PDB file of N, CA and C in Angstrom:
ATOM      1  N   UNK A   1       0.863  -1.181   0.000  1.00  0.00           N
ATOM      2  CA  UNK A   1       0.000   0.000   0.000  1.00  0.00           C
ATOM      3  C   UNK A   1       0.903   1.235   0.000  1.00  0.00           C
ATOM      4  N   UNK A   2       0.710   2.078  -0.961  1.00  0.00           N
ATOM      5  CA  UNK A   2       1.461   3.326  -1.053  1.00  0.00           C
ATOM      6  C   UNK A   2       0.543   4.471  -0.647  1.00  0.00           C
ATOM      7  N   UNK A   3       1.063   5.329   0.221  1.00  0.00           N
ATOM      8  CA  UNK A   3       0.299   6.489   0.678  1.00  0.00           C
ATOM      9  C   UNK A   3       1.026   7.748   0.235  1.00  0.00           C
ATOM     10  N   UNK A   4       0.243   8.719  -0.216  1.00  0.00           N
ATOM     11  CA  UNK A   4       0.791   9.988  -0.677  1.00  0.00           C
ATOM     12  C   UNK A   4       0.077  11.137   0.018  1.00  0.00           C
ATOM     13  N   UNK A   5       0.813  12.204   0.266  1.00  0.00           N
ATOM     14  CA  UNK A   5       0.251  13.434   0.817  1.00  0.00           C
ATOM     15  C   UNK A   5       0.509  14.568  -0.163  1.00  0.00           C
ATOM     16  N   UNK A   6      -0.322  15.599  -0.066  1.00  0.00           N
ATOM     17  CA  UNK A   6      -0.171  16.775  -0.913  1.00  0.00           C
ATOM     18  C   UNK A   6      -0.572  18.017  -0.132  1.00  0.00           C
ATOM     19  N   UNK A   7       0.040  19.139  -0.466  1.00  0.00           N
ATOM     20  CA  UNK A   7      -0.370  20.404   0.142  1.00  0.00           C
ATOM     21  C   UNK A   7      -1.637  20.929  -0.540  1.00  0.00           C
ATOM     22  N   UNK A   8      -2.027  20.316  -1.653  1.00  0.00           N
ATOM     23  CA  UNK A   8      -3.255  20.669  -2.363  1.00  0.00           C
ATOM     24  C   UNK A   8      -4.337  19.693  -1.903  1.00  0.00           C
ATOM     25  N   UNK A   9      -5.352  20.197  -1.223  1.00  0.00           N
ATOM     26  CA  UNK A   9      -6.360  19.342  -0.586  1.00  0.00           C
ATOM     27  C   UNK A   9      -7.123  18.459  -1.570  1.00  0.00           C
ATOM     28  N   UNK A  10      -7.493  18.987  -2.729  1.00  0.00           N
ATOM     29  CA  UNK A  10      -8.302  18.244  -3.707  1.00  0.00           C
ATOM     30  C   UNK A  10      -7.522  18.014  -5.006  1.00  0.00           C
ATOM     31  N   UNK A  11      -6.259  17.645  -4.886  1.00  0.00           N
ATOM     32  CA  UNK A  11      -5.426  17.414  -6.066  1.00  0.00           C
ATOM     33  C   UNK A  11      -5.991  16.258  -6.892  1.00  0.00           C
ATOM     34  N   UNK A  12      -6.046  16.448  -8.195  1.00  0.00           N
ATOM     35  CA  UNK A  12      -6.517  15.402  -9.107  1.00  0.00           C
ATOM     36  C   UNK A  12      -5.472  15.247 -10.198  1.00  0.00           C
ATOM     37  N   UNK A  13      -4.856  14.072 -10.257  1.00  0.00           N
ATOM     38  CA  UNK A  13      -3.819  13.795 -11.242  1.00  0.00           C
ATOM     39  C   UNK A  13      -4.413  12.896 -12.321  1.00  0.00           C
ATOM     40  N   UNK A  14      -4.277  13.312 -13.564  1.00  0.00           N
ATOM     41  CA  UNK A  14      -4.797  12.536 -14.689  1.00  0.00           C
ATOM     42  C   UNK A  14      -3.780  11.452 -15.034  1.00  0.00           C
ATOM     43  N   UNK A  15      -4.173  10.195 -14.851  1.00  0.00           N
ATOM     44  CA  UNK A  15      -3.320   9.067 -15.209  1.00  0.00           C
ATOM     45  C   UNK A  15      -3.561   8.655 -16.661  1.00  0.00           C
ATOM     46  N   UNK A  16      -4.816   8.733 -17.084  1.00  0.00           N
ATOM     47  CA  UNK A  16      -5.205   8.446 -18.467  1.00  0.00           C
ATOM     48  C   UNK A  16      -6.372   9.374 -18.782  1.00  0.00           C
ATOM     49  N   UNK A  17      -6.228  10.252 -19.780  1.00  0.00           N
ATOM     50  CA  UNK A  17      -7.305  11.213 -20.057  1.00  0.00           C
ATOM     51  C   UNK A  17      -8.557  10.540 -20.625  1.00  0.00           C
ATOM     52  N   UNK A  18      -9.691  11.165 -20.407  1.00  0.00           N
ATOM     53  CA  UNK A  18     -10.948  10.699 -21.003  1.00  0.00           C
ATOM     54  C   UNK A  18     -10.854  10.890 -22.514  1.00  0.00           C
ATOM     55  N   UNK A  19     -11.419   9.948 -23.255  1.00  0.00           N
ATOM     56  CA  UNK A  19     -11.336   9.998 -24.713  1.00  0.00           C
ATOM     57  C   UNK A  19     -12.737   9.935 -25.313  1.00  0.00           C
ATOM     58  N   UNK A  20     -13.000  10.739 -26.342  1.00  0.00           N
ATOM     59  CA  UNK A  20     -14.311  10.661 -27.001  1.00  0.00           C
ATOM     60  C   UNK A  20     -14.432   9.361 -27.808  1.00  0.00           C
ATOM     61  N   UNK A  21     -15.649   8.850 -27.890  1.00  0.00           N
ATOM     62  CA  UNK A  21     -15.927   7.635 -28.664  1.00  0.00           C
ATOM     63  C   UNK A  21     -16.771   8.044 -29.876  1.00  0.00           C
ATOM     64  N   UNK A  22     -16.288   7.661 -31.068  1.00  0.00           N
ATOM     65  CA  UNK A  22     -16.981   8.006 -32.315  1.00  0.00           C
ATOM     66  C   UNK A  22     -17.464   6.740 -33.013  1.00  0.00           C
ATOM     67  N   UNK A  23     -18.634   6.814 -33.595  1.00  0.00           N
ATOM     68  CA  UNK A  23     -19.154   5.763 -34.469  1.00  0.00           C
ATOM     69  C   UNK A  23     -19.660   6.432 -35.740  1.00  0.00           C
ATOM     70  N   UNK A  24     -19.133   6.004 -36.866  1.00  0.00           N
ATOM     71  CA  UNK A  24     -19.508   6.553 -38.176  1.00  0.00           C
ATOM     72  C   UNK A  24     -19.325   8.068 -38.217  1.00  0.00           C
ATOM     73  N   UNK A  25     -18.265   8.539 -37.579  1.00  0.00           N
ATOM     74  CA  UNK A  25     -17.960   9.958 -37.600  1.00  0.00           C
ATOM     75  C   UNK A  25     -18.776  10.808 -36.656  1.00  0.00           C
ATOM     76  N   UNK A  26     -19.607  10.186 -35.825  1.00  0.00           N
ATOM     77  CA  UNK A  26     -20.452  10.925 -34.889  1.00  0.00           C
ATOM     78  C   UNK A  26     -20.042  10.555 -33.462  1.00  0.00           C
ATOM     79  N   UNK A  27     -19.863  11.565 -32.651  1.00  0.00           N
ATOM     80  CA  UNK A  27     -19.505  11.306 -31.256  1.00  0.00           C
ATOM     81  C   UNK A  27     -20.711  10.701 -30.535  1.00  0.00           C
ATOM     82  N   UNK A  28     -20.481   9.534 -29.911  1.00  0.00           N
ATOM     83  CA  UNK A  28     -21.574   8.852 -29.219  1.00  0.00           C
ATOM     84  C   UNK A  28     -21.363   8.817 -27.707  1.00  0.00           C
ATOM     85  N   UNK A  29     -20.224   9.289 -27.240  1.00  0.00           N
ATOM     86  CA  UNK A  29     -19.981   9.291 -25.801  1.00  0.00           C
ATOM     87  C   UNK A  29     -18.515   9.499 -25.485  1.00  0.00           C
ATOM     88  N   UNK A  30     -18.184   9.254 -24.246  1.00  0.00           N
ATOM     89  CA  UNK A  30     -16.808   9.391 -23.785  1.00  0.00           C
ATOM     90  C   UNK A  30     -16.374   8.125 -23.068  1.00  0.00           C
ATOM     91  N   UNK A  31     -15.124   7.741 -23.312  1.00  0.00           N
ATOM     92  CA  UNK A  31     -14.530   6.653 -22.541  1.00  0.00           C
ATOM     93  C   UNK A  31     -13.906   7.310 -21.310  1.00  0.00           C
ATOM     94  N   UNK A  32     -14.290   6.890 -20.110  1.00  0.00           N
ATOM     95  CA  UNK A  32     -13.795   7.569 -18.914  1.00  0.00           C
ATOM     96  C   UNK A  32     -12.279   7.440 -18.759  1.00  0.00           C
ATOM     97  N   UNK A  33     -11.691   8.443 -18.139  1.00  0.00           N
ATOM     98  CA  UNK A  33     -10.268   8.426 -17.876  1.00  0.00           C
ATOM     99  C   UNK A  33      -9.972   7.810 -16.518  1.00  0.00           C
ATOM    100  N   UNK A  34      -8.686   7.769 -16.182  1.00  0.00           N
ATOM    101  CA  UNK A  34      -8.256   7.273 -14.875  1.00  0.00           C
ATOM    102  C   UNK A  34      -7.589   8.428 -14.140  1.00  0.00           C
ATOM    103  N   UNK A  35      -7.909   8.554 -12.853  1.00  0.00           N
ATOM    104  CA  UNK A  35      -7.416   9.682 -12.077  1.00  0.00           C
ATOM    105  C   UNK A  35      -6.929   9.226 -10.704  1.00  0.00           C
ATOM    106  N   UNK A  36      -5.975   9.959 -10.165  1.00  0.00           N
ATOM    107  CA  UNK A  36      -5.569   9.809  -8.768  1.00  0.00           C
ATOM    108  C   UNK A  36      -6.175  11.011  -8.053  1.00  0.00           C
ATOM    109  N   UNK A  37      -7.240  10.782  -7.314  1.00  0.00           N
ATOM    110  CA  UNK A  37      -7.971  11.861  -6.645  1.00  0.00           C
ATOM    111  C   UNK A  37      -7.569  11.921  -5.174  1.00  0.00           C
ATOM    112  N   UNK A  38      -6.929  13.018  -4.766  1.00  0.00           N
ATOM    113  CA  UNK A  38      -6.542  13.219  -3.374  1.00  0.00           C
ATOM    114  C   UNK A  38      -7.739  13.779  -2.613  1.00  0.00           C
ATOM    115  N   UNK A  39      -8.022  13.230  -1.451  1.00  0.00           N
ATOM    116  CA  UNK A  39      -9.082  13.721  -0.573  1.00  0.00           C
ATOM    117  C   UNK A  39      -8.433  14.244   0.694  1.00  0.00           C
ATOM    118  N   UNK A  40      -8.665  15.495   1.001  1.00  0.00           N
ATOM    119  CA  UNK A  40      -8.068  16.149   2.163  1.00  0.00           C
ATOM    120  C   UNK A  40      -6.542  16.010   2.142  1.00  0.00           C
ATOM    121  N   UNK A  41      -5.966  16.082   0.939  1.00  0.00           N
ATOM    122  CA  UNK A  41      -4.517  16.036   0.781  1.00  0.00           C
ATOM    123  C   UNK A  41      -3.910  14.654   0.899  1.00  0.00           C
ATOM    124  N   UNK A  42      -4.719  13.591   0.821  1.00  0.00           N
ATOM    125  CA  UNK A  42      -4.198  12.229   0.963  1.00  0.00           C
ATOM    126  C   UNK A  42      -4.730  11.322  -0.141  1.00  0.00           C
ATOM    127  N   UNK A  43      -3.866  10.369  -0.554  1.00  0.00           N
ATOM    128  CA  UNK A  43      -4.247   9.388  -1.571  1.00  0.00           C
ATOM    129  C   UNK A  43      -3.559   8.073  -1.255  1.00  0.00           C
ATOM    130  N   UNK A  44      -4.284   6.958  -1.401  1.00  0.00           N
ATOM    131  CA  UNK A  44      -3.727   5.626  -1.162  1.00  0.00           C
ATOM    132  C   UNK A  44      -4.019   4.734  -2.355  1.00  0.00           C
ATOM    133  N   UNK A  45      -3.060   3.855  -2.682  1.00  0.00           N
ATOM    134  CA  UNK A  45      -3.268   2.885  -3.752  1.00  0.00           C
ATOM    135  C   UNK A  45      -2.400   1.656  -3.521  1.00  0.00           C
ATOM    136  N   UNK A  46      -2.861   0.524  -4.062  1.00  0.00           N
ATOM    137  CA  UNK A  46      -2.083  -0.715  -4.043  1.00  0.00           C
ATOM    138  C   UNK A  46      -1.607  -1.066  -5.451  1.00  0.00           C
ATOM    139  N   UNK A  47      -2.119  -0.376  -6.449  1.00  0.00           N
ATOM    140  CA  UNK A  47      -1.828  -0.659  -7.852  1.00  0.00           C
ATOM    141  C   UNK A  47      -0.407  -0.205  -8.208  1.00  0.00           C
ATOM    142  N   UNK A  48       0.450  -1.172  -8.571  1.00  0.00           N
ATOM    143  CA  UNK A  48       1.853  -0.868  -8.890  1.00  0.00           C
ATOM    144  C   UNK A  48       1.982   0.038 -10.115  1.00  0.00           C
ATOM    145  N   UNK A  49       1.088  -0.107 -11.089  1.00  0.00           N
ATOM    146  CA  UNK A  49       1.145   0.733 -12.294  1.00  0.00           C
ATOM    147  C   UNK A  49       0.874   2.195 -11.936  1.00  0.00           C
ATOM    148  N   UNK A  50      -0.078   2.424 -11.044  1.00  0.00           N
ATOM    149  CA  UNK A  50      -0.390   3.790 -10.607  1.00  0.00           C
ATOM    150  C   UNK A  50       0.776   4.362  -9.809  1.00  0.00           C
ATOM    151  N   UNK A  51       1.365   3.550  -8.927  1.00  0.00           N
ATOM    152  CA  UNK A  51       2.510   3.997  -8.122  1.00  0.00           C
ATOM    153  C   UNK A  51       3.655   4.415  -9.036  1.00  0.00           C
ATOM    154  N   UNK A  52       3.957   3.582 -10.031  1.00  0.00           N
ATOM    155  CA  UNK A  52       5.038   3.879 -10.973  1.00  0.00           C
ATOM    156  C   UNK A  52       4.754   5.163 -11.751  1.00  0.00           C
ATOM    157  N   UNK A  53       3.515   5.330 -12.206  1.00  0.00           N
ATOM    158  CA  UNK A  53       3.130   6.523 -12.973  1.00  0.00           C
ATOM    159  C   UNK A  53       3.254   7.786 -12.116  1.00  0.00           C
ATOM    160  N   UNK A  54       2.744   7.728 -10.876  1.00  0.00           N
ATOM    161  CA  UNK A  54       2.795   8.894  -9.994  1.00  0.00           C
ATOM    162  C   UNK A  54       4.231   9.316  -9.705  1.00  0.00           C
ATOM    163  N   UNK A  55       5.093   8.333  -9.433  1.00  0.00           N
ATOM    164  CA  UNK A  55       6.466   8.658  -9.050  1.00  0.00           C
ATOM    165  C   UNK A  55       7.331   9.056 -10.238  1.00  0.00           C
ATOM    166  N   UNK A  56       6.830   8.868 -11.467  1.00  0.00           N
ATOM    167  CA  UNK A  56       7.580   9.296 -12.649  1.00  0.00           C
ATOM    168  C   UNK A  56       7.205  10.716 -13.085  1.00  0.00           C
ATOM    169  N   UNK A  57       6.178  11.287 -12.470  1.00  0.00           N
ATOM    170  CA  UNK A  57       5.733  12.631 -12.845  1.00  0.00           C
ATOM    171  C   UNK A  57       6.718  13.703 -12.367  1.00  0.00           C
ATOM    172  N   UNK A  58       6.779  14.790 -13.096  1.00  0.00           N
ATOM    173  CA  UNK A  58       7.663  15.899 -12.739  1.00  0.00           C
ATOM    174  C   UNK A  58       7.256  16.618 -11.462  1.00  0.00           C
ATOM    175  N   UNK A  59       5.991  16.515 -11.090  1.00  0.00           N
ATOM    176  CA  UNK A  59       5.516  17.196  -9.883  1.00  0.00           C
ATOM    177  C   UNK A  59       5.634  16.332  -8.627  1.00  0.00           C
ATOM    178  N   UNK A  60       6.143  15.090  -8.789  1.00  0.00           N
ATOM    179  CA  UNK A  60       6.372  14.226  -7.630  1.00  0.00           C
ATOM    180  C   UNK A  60       7.448  14.869  -6.757  1.00  0.00           C
ATOM    181  N   UNK A  61       7.237  14.908  -5.479  1.00  0.00           N
ATOM    182  CA  UNK A  61       8.087  15.536  -4.454  1.00  0.00           C
ATOM    183  C   UNK A  61       7.982  17.064  -4.477  1.00  0.00           C
ATOM    184  N   UNK A  62       7.085  17.607  -5.303  1.00  0.00           N
ATOM    185  CA  UNK A  62       6.832  19.047  -5.299  1.00  0.00           C
ATOM    186  C   UNK A  62       5.393  19.292  -4.857  1.00  0.00           C
ATOM    187  N   UNK A  63       4.434  18.813  -5.650  1.00  0.00           N
ATOM    188  CA  UNK A  63       3.015  18.964  -5.309  1.00  0.00           C
ATOM    189  C   UNK A  63       2.505  17.825  -4.434  1.00  0.00           C
ATOM    190  N   UNK A  64       3.135  16.670  -4.528  1.00  0.00           N
ATOM    191  CA  UNK A  64       2.750  15.528  -3.697  1.00  0.00           C
ATOM    192  C   UNK A  64       3.980  14.669  -3.440  1.00  0.00           C
ATOM    193  N   UNK A  65       3.949  13.888  -2.374  1.00  0.00           N
ATOM    194  CA  UNK A  65       5.086  13.067  -1.980  1.00  0.00           C
ATOM    195  C   UNK A  65       4.584  11.792  -1.319  1.00  0.00           C
ATOM    196  N   UNK A  66       5.452  10.785  -1.315  1.00  0.00           N
ATOM    197  CA  UNK A  66       5.107   9.493  -0.714  1.00  0.00           C
ATOM    198  C   UNK A  66       5.367   9.561   0.782  1.00  0.00           C
ATOM    199  N   UNK A  67       4.443   9.008   1.552  1.00  0.00           N
ATOM    200  CA  UNK A  67       4.561   8.989   3.008  1.00  0.00           C
ATOM    201  C   UNK A  67       5.278   7.709   3.389  1.00  0.00           C
ATOM    202  N   UNK A  68       6.305   7.827   4.222  1.00  0.00           N
ATOM    203  CA  UNK A  68       7.025   6.628   4.648  1.00  0.00           C
ATOM    204  C   UNK A  68       6.164   5.826   5.613  1.00  0.00           C
ATOM    205  N   UNK A  69       6.281   4.523   5.539  1.00  0.00           N
ATOM    206  CA  UNK A  69       5.459   3.625   6.350  1.00  0.00           C
ATOM    207  C   UNK A  69       5.864   3.652   7.822  1.00  0.00           C
ATOM    208  N   UNK A  70       7.144   3.900   8.113  1.00  0.00           N
ATOM    209  CA  UNK A  70       7.613   3.803   9.493  1.00  0.00           C
ATOM    210  C   UNK A  70       7.308   5.025  10.349  1.00  0.00           C
ATOM    211  N   UNK A  71       7.039   6.158   9.742  1.00  0.00           N
ATOM    212  CA  UNK A  71       6.790   7.356  10.540  1.00  0.00           C
ATOM    213  C   UNK A  71       5.308   7.484  10.850  1.00  0.00           C
ATOM    214  N   UNK A  72       4.981   7.295  12.101  1.00  0.00           N
ATOM    215  CA  UNK A  72       3.604   7.497  12.545  1.00  0.00           C
ATOM    216  C   UNK A  72       3.652   8.372  13.786  1.00  0.00           C
ATOM    217  N   UNK A  73       2.856   9.420  13.826  1.00  0.00           N
ATOM    218  CA  UNK A  73       2.922  10.342  14.953  1.00  0.00           C
ATOM    219  C   UNK A  73       2.470   9.682  16.252  1.00  0.00           C
ATOM    220  N   UNK A  74       3.121  10.065  17.336  1.00  0.00           N
ATOM    221  CA  UNK A  74       2.717   9.558  18.641  1.00  0.00           C
ATOM    222  C   UNK A  74       1.561  10.392  19.151  1.00  0.00           C
ATOM    223  N   UNK A  75       0.900   9.897  20.143  1.00  0.00           N
ATOM    224  CA  UNK A  75      -0.284  10.579  20.659  1.00  0.00           C
ATOM    225  C   UNK A  75       0.077  11.952  21.234  1.00  0.00           C
ATOM    226  N   UNK A  76       1.222  12.053  21.919  1.00  0.00           N
ATOM    227  CA  UNK A  76       1.613  13.322  22.530  1.00  0.00           C
ATOM    228  C   UNK A  76       1.858  14.401  21.479  1.00  0.00           C
ATOM    229  N   UNK A  77       2.551  14.057  20.395  1.00  0.00           N
ATOM    230  CA  UNK A  77       2.819  15.072  19.379  1.00  0.00           C
ATOM    231  C   UNK A  77       1.539  15.475  18.666  1.00  0.00           C
ATOM    232  N   UNK A  78       0.606  14.557  18.535  1.00  0.00           N
ATOM    233  CA  UNK A  78      -0.669  14.897  17.905  1.00  0.00           C
ATOM    234  C   UNK A  78      -1.411  15.924  18.745  1.00  0.00           C
ATOM    235  N   UNK A  79      -1.441  15.724  20.046  1.00  0.00           N
ATOM    236  CA  UNK A  79      -2.097  16.680  20.939  1.00  0.00           C
ATOM    237  C   UNK A  79      -1.388  18.021  20.857  1.00  0.00           C
ATOM    238  N   UNK A  80      -0.056  18.002  20.868  1.00  0.00           N
ATOM    239  CA  UNK A  80       0.722  19.231  20.794  1.00  0.00           C
ATOM    240  C   UNK A  80       0.438  19.964  19.483  1.00  0.00           C
ATOM    241  N   UNK A  81       0.385  19.235  18.379  1.00  0.00           N
ATOM    242  CA  UNK A  81       0.109  19.863  17.088  1.00  0.00           C
ATOM    243  C   UNK A  81      -1.307  20.421  17.041  1.00  0.00           C
ATOM    244  N   UNK A  82      -2.266  19.710  17.644  1.00  0.00           N
ATOM    245  CA  UNK A  82      -3.640  20.201  17.673  1.00  0.00           C
ATOM    246  C   UNK A  82      -3.719  21.510  18.446  1.00  0.00           C
ATOM    247  N   UNK A  83      -3.010  21.603  19.560  1.00  0.00           N
ATOM    248  CA  UNK A  83      -2.998  22.838  20.346  1.00  0.00           C
ATOM    249  C   UNK A  83      -2.336  23.964  19.553  1.00  0.00           C
ATOM    250  N   UNK A  84      -1.288  23.640  18.820  1.00  0.00           N
ATOM    251  CA  UNK A  84      -0.577  24.657  18.047  1.00  0.00           C
ATOM    252  C   UNK A  84      -1.458  25.236  16.940  1.00  0.00           C
ATOM    253  N   UNK A  85      -2.418  24.456  16.444  1.00  0.00           N
ATOM    254  CA  UNK A  85      -3.315  24.931  15.389  1.00  0.00           C
ATOM    255  C   UNK A  85      -4.401  25.859  15.923  1.00  0.00           C
ATOM    256  N   UNK A  86      -4.640  25.811  17.230  1.00  0.00           N
ATOM    257  CA  UNK A  86      -5.714  26.606  17.827  1.00  0.00           C
ATOM    258  C   UNK A  86      -5.295  28.070  17.962  1.00  0.00           C
ATOM    259  N   UNK A  87      -6.272  28.956  17.971  1.00  0.00           N
ATOM    260  CA  UNK A  87      -5.988  30.371  18.185  1.00  0.00           C
ATOM    261  C   UNK A  87      -5.810  30.631  19.678  1.00  0.00           C
ATOM    262  N   UNK A  88      -5.284  31.801  19.995  1.00  0.00           N
ATOM    263  CA  UNK A  88      -5.075  32.158  21.396  1.00  0.00           C
ATOM    264  C   UNK A  88      -6.407  32.175  22.148  1.00  0.00           C
ATOM    265  N   UNK A  89      -7.439  32.705  21.505  1.00  0.00           N
ATOM    266  CA  UNK A  89      -8.755  32.774  22.141  1.00  0.00           C
ATOM    267  C   UNK A  89      -9.300  31.370  22.426  1.00  0.00           C
ATOM    268  N   UNK A  90      -9.127  30.445  21.478  1.00  0.00           N
ATOM    269  CA  UNK A  90      -9.567  29.062  21.680  1.00  0.00           C
ATOM    270  C   UNK A  90      -8.791  28.402  22.816  1.00  0.00           C
ATOM    271  N   UNK A  91      -7.490  28.684  22.879  1.00  0.00           N
ATOM    272  CA  UNK A  91      -6.665  28.128  23.959  1.00  0.00           C
ATOM    273  C   UNK A  91      -7.104  28.664  25.317  1.00  0.00           C
ATOM    274  N   UNK A  92      -7.455  29.949  25.382  1.00  0.00           N
ATOM    275  CA  UNK A  92      -7.927  30.531  26.641  1.00  0.00           C
ATOM    276  C   UNK A  92      -9.238  29.875  27.073  1.00  0.00           C
ATOM    277  N   UNK A  93     -10.141  29.635  26.140  1.00  0.00           N
ATOM    278  CA  UNK A  93     -11.410  28.967  26.460  1.00  0.00           C
ATOM    279  C   UNK A  93     -11.168  27.546  26.954  1.00  0.00           C
ATOM    280  N   UNK A  94     -10.259  26.831  26.300  1.00  0.00           N
ATOM    281  CA  UNK A  94      -9.935  25.469  26.708  1.00  0.00           C
ATOM    282  C   UNK A  94      -9.310  25.455  28.097  1.00  0.00           C
ATOM    283  N   UNK A  95      -8.462  26.439  28.375  1.00  0.00           N
ATOM    284  CA  UNK A  95      -7.831  26.533  29.695  1.00  0.00           C
ATOM    285  C   UNK A  95      -8.887  26.751  30.774  1.00  0.00           C
ATOM    286  N   UNK A  96      -9.875  27.582  30.504  1.00  0.00           N
ATOM    287  CA  UNK A  96     -10.951  27.809  31.475  1.00  0.00           C
ATOM    288  C   UNK A  96     -11.764  26.540  31.693  1.00  0.00           C
ATOM    289  N   UNK A  97     -12.016  25.779  30.615  1.00  0.00           N
ATOM    290  CA  UNK A  97     -12.760  24.523  30.738  1.00  0.00           C
ATOM    291  C   UNK A  97     -12.005  23.508  31.590  1.00  0.00           C
ATOM    292  N   UNK A  98     -10.668  23.528  31.499  1.00  0.00           N
ATOM    293  CA  UNK A  98      -9.845  22.573  32.244  1.00  0.00           C
ATOM    294  C   UNK A  98      -9.395  23.136  33.594  1.00  0.00           C
ATOM    295  N   UNK A  99      -9.991  24.257  34.001  1.00  0.00           N
ATOM    296  CA  UNK A  99      -9.686  24.900  35.286  1.00  0.00           C
ATOM    297  C   UNK A  99      -8.211  25.261  35.442  1.00  0.00           C
ATOM    298  N   UNK A 100      -7.609  25.735  34.352  1.00  0.00           N
ATOM    299  CA  UNK A 100      -6.241  26.244  34.393  1.00  0.00           C
ATOM    300  C   UNK A 100      -6.338  27.743  34.618  1.00  0.00           C
ATOM    301  N   UNK A 101      -5.601  28.240  35.623  1.00  0.00           N
ATOM    302  CA  UNK A 101      -5.672  29.671  35.938  1.00  0.00           C
ATOM    303  C   UNK A 101      -4.940  30.483  34.874  1.00  0.00           C
ATOM    304  N   UNK A 102      -5.677  31.377  34.232  1.00  0.00           N
ATOM    305  CA  UNK A 102      -5.103  32.294  33.245  1.00  0.00           C
ATOM    306  C   UNK A 102      -5.620  33.697  33.533  1.00  0.00           C
ATOM    307  N   UNK A 103      -4.761  34.693  33.295  1.00  0.00           N
ATOM    308  CA  UNK A 103      -5.186  36.076  33.545  1.00  0.00           C
ATOM    309  C   UNK A 103      -5.358  36.878  32.254  1.00  0.00           C
ATOM    310  N   UNK A 104      -5.152  36.237  31.096  1.00  0.00           N
ATOM    311  CA  UNK A 104      -5.368  36.911  29.821  1.00  0.00           C
ATOM    312  C   UNK A 104      -4.124  37.526  29.219  1.00  0.00           C
ATOM    313  N   UNK A 105      -3.021  37.560  29.966  1.00  0.00           N
ATOM    314  CA  UNK A 105      -1.792  38.164  29.444  1.00  0.00           C
ATOM    315  C   UNK A 105      -0.807  37.122  28.921  1.00  0.00           C
ATOM    316  N   UNK A 106      -1.144  35.836  29.035  1.00  0.00           N
ATOM    317  CA  UNK A 106      -0.243  34.777  28.594  1.00  0.00           C
ATOM    318  C   UNK A 106      -0.123  34.773  27.068  1.00  0.00           C
ATOM    319  N   UNK A 107       1.046  34.386  26.597  1.00  0.00           N
ATOM    320  CA  UNK A 107       1.232  34.218  25.156  1.00  0.00           C
ATOM    321  C   UNK A 107       0.634  32.877  24.740  1.00  0.00           C
ATOM    322  N   UNK A 108       0.491  32.696  23.460  1.00  0.00           N
ATOM    323  CA  UNK A 108      -0.049  31.439  22.939  1.00  0.00           C
ATOM    324  C   UNK A 108       0.835  30.266  23.373  1.00  0.00           C
ATOM    325  N   UNK A 109       2.153  30.447  23.302  1.00  0.00           N
ATOM    326  CA  UNK A 109       3.090  29.395  23.688  1.00  0.00           C
ATOM    327  C   UNK A 109       2.951  29.046  25.165  1.00  0.00           C
ATOM    328  N   UNK A 110       2.763  30.057  26.004  1.00  0.00           N
ATOM    329  CA  UNK A 110       2.606  29.827  27.448  1.00  0.00           C
ATOM    330  C   UNK A 110       1.290  29.089  27.727  1.00  0.00           C
ATOM    331  N   UNK A 111       0.229  29.443  27.015  1.00  0.00           N
ATOM    332  CA  UNK A 111      -1.052  28.754  27.181  1.00  0.00           C
ATOM    333  C   UNK A 111      -0.923  27.272  26.819  1.00  0.00           C
ATOM    334  N   UNK A 112      -0.215  26.977  25.733  1.00  0.00           N
ATOM    335  CA  UNK A 112      -0.005  25.579  25.335  1.00  0.00           C
ATOM    336  C   UNK A 112       0.772  24.844  26.414  1.00  0.00           C
ATOM    337  N   UNK A 113       1.802  25.493  26.938  1.00  0.00           N
ATOM    338  CA  UNK A 113       2.610  24.890  28.005  1.00  0.00           C
ATOM    339  C   UNK A 113       1.758  24.593  29.237  1.00  0.00           C
ATOM    340  N   UNK A 114       0.918  25.537  29.636  1.00  0.00           N
ATOM    341  CA  UNK A 114       0.050  25.339  30.801  1.00  0.00           C
ATOM    342  C   UNK A 114      -0.933  24.192  30.567  1.00  0.00           C
ATOM    343  N   UNK A 115      -1.501  24.122  29.365  1.00  0.00           N
ATOM    344  CA  UNK A 115      -2.464  23.063  29.054  1.00  0.00           C
ATOM    345  C   UNK A 115      -1.805  21.685  29.011  1.00  0.00           C
ATOM    346  N   UNK A 116      -0.588  21.611  28.506  1.00  0.00           N
ATOM    347  CA  UNK A 116       0.109  20.327  28.445  1.00  0.00           C
ATOM    348  C   UNK A 116       0.522  19.850  29.832  1.00  0.00           C
ATOM    349  N   UNK A 117       0.788  20.776  30.731  1.00  0.00           N
ATOM    350  CA  UNK A 117       1.195  20.411  32.092  1.00  0.00           C
ATOM    351  C   UNK A 117       0.006  20.108  32.987  1.00  0.00           C
ATOM    352  N   UNK A 118      -1.197  20.358  32.529  1.00  0.00           N
ATOM    353  CA  UNK A 118      -2.403  20.138  33.348  1.00  0.00           C
ATOM    354  C   UNK A 118      -2.744  18.677  33.409  1.00  0.00           C
TER     355      UNK A 118
END
């Protein structure tokens, strides 16, 4: 299983373009194409042909990259990253919910530190 990430949330890579189908010189439909559709910046596949095609593209390691199998975030870093994504106001509200004493003058970094030590 190959996993890929992208900074583009809805990246769509054309592996084989859609082609029109003609009969007697008249277009009667389209033959569907093949695509690698990233959802929320992630794509997974087991197909070796797709893996080979993706990694041969010029935008590989620029717009999207392969995720290594051995790196998985630990629970502590996930919590830390989630706190880092929050705004100062959200952190202050969370601190009040967890009964952490704050006076409103703390920096965002200090609020994260207080919440992690709680």
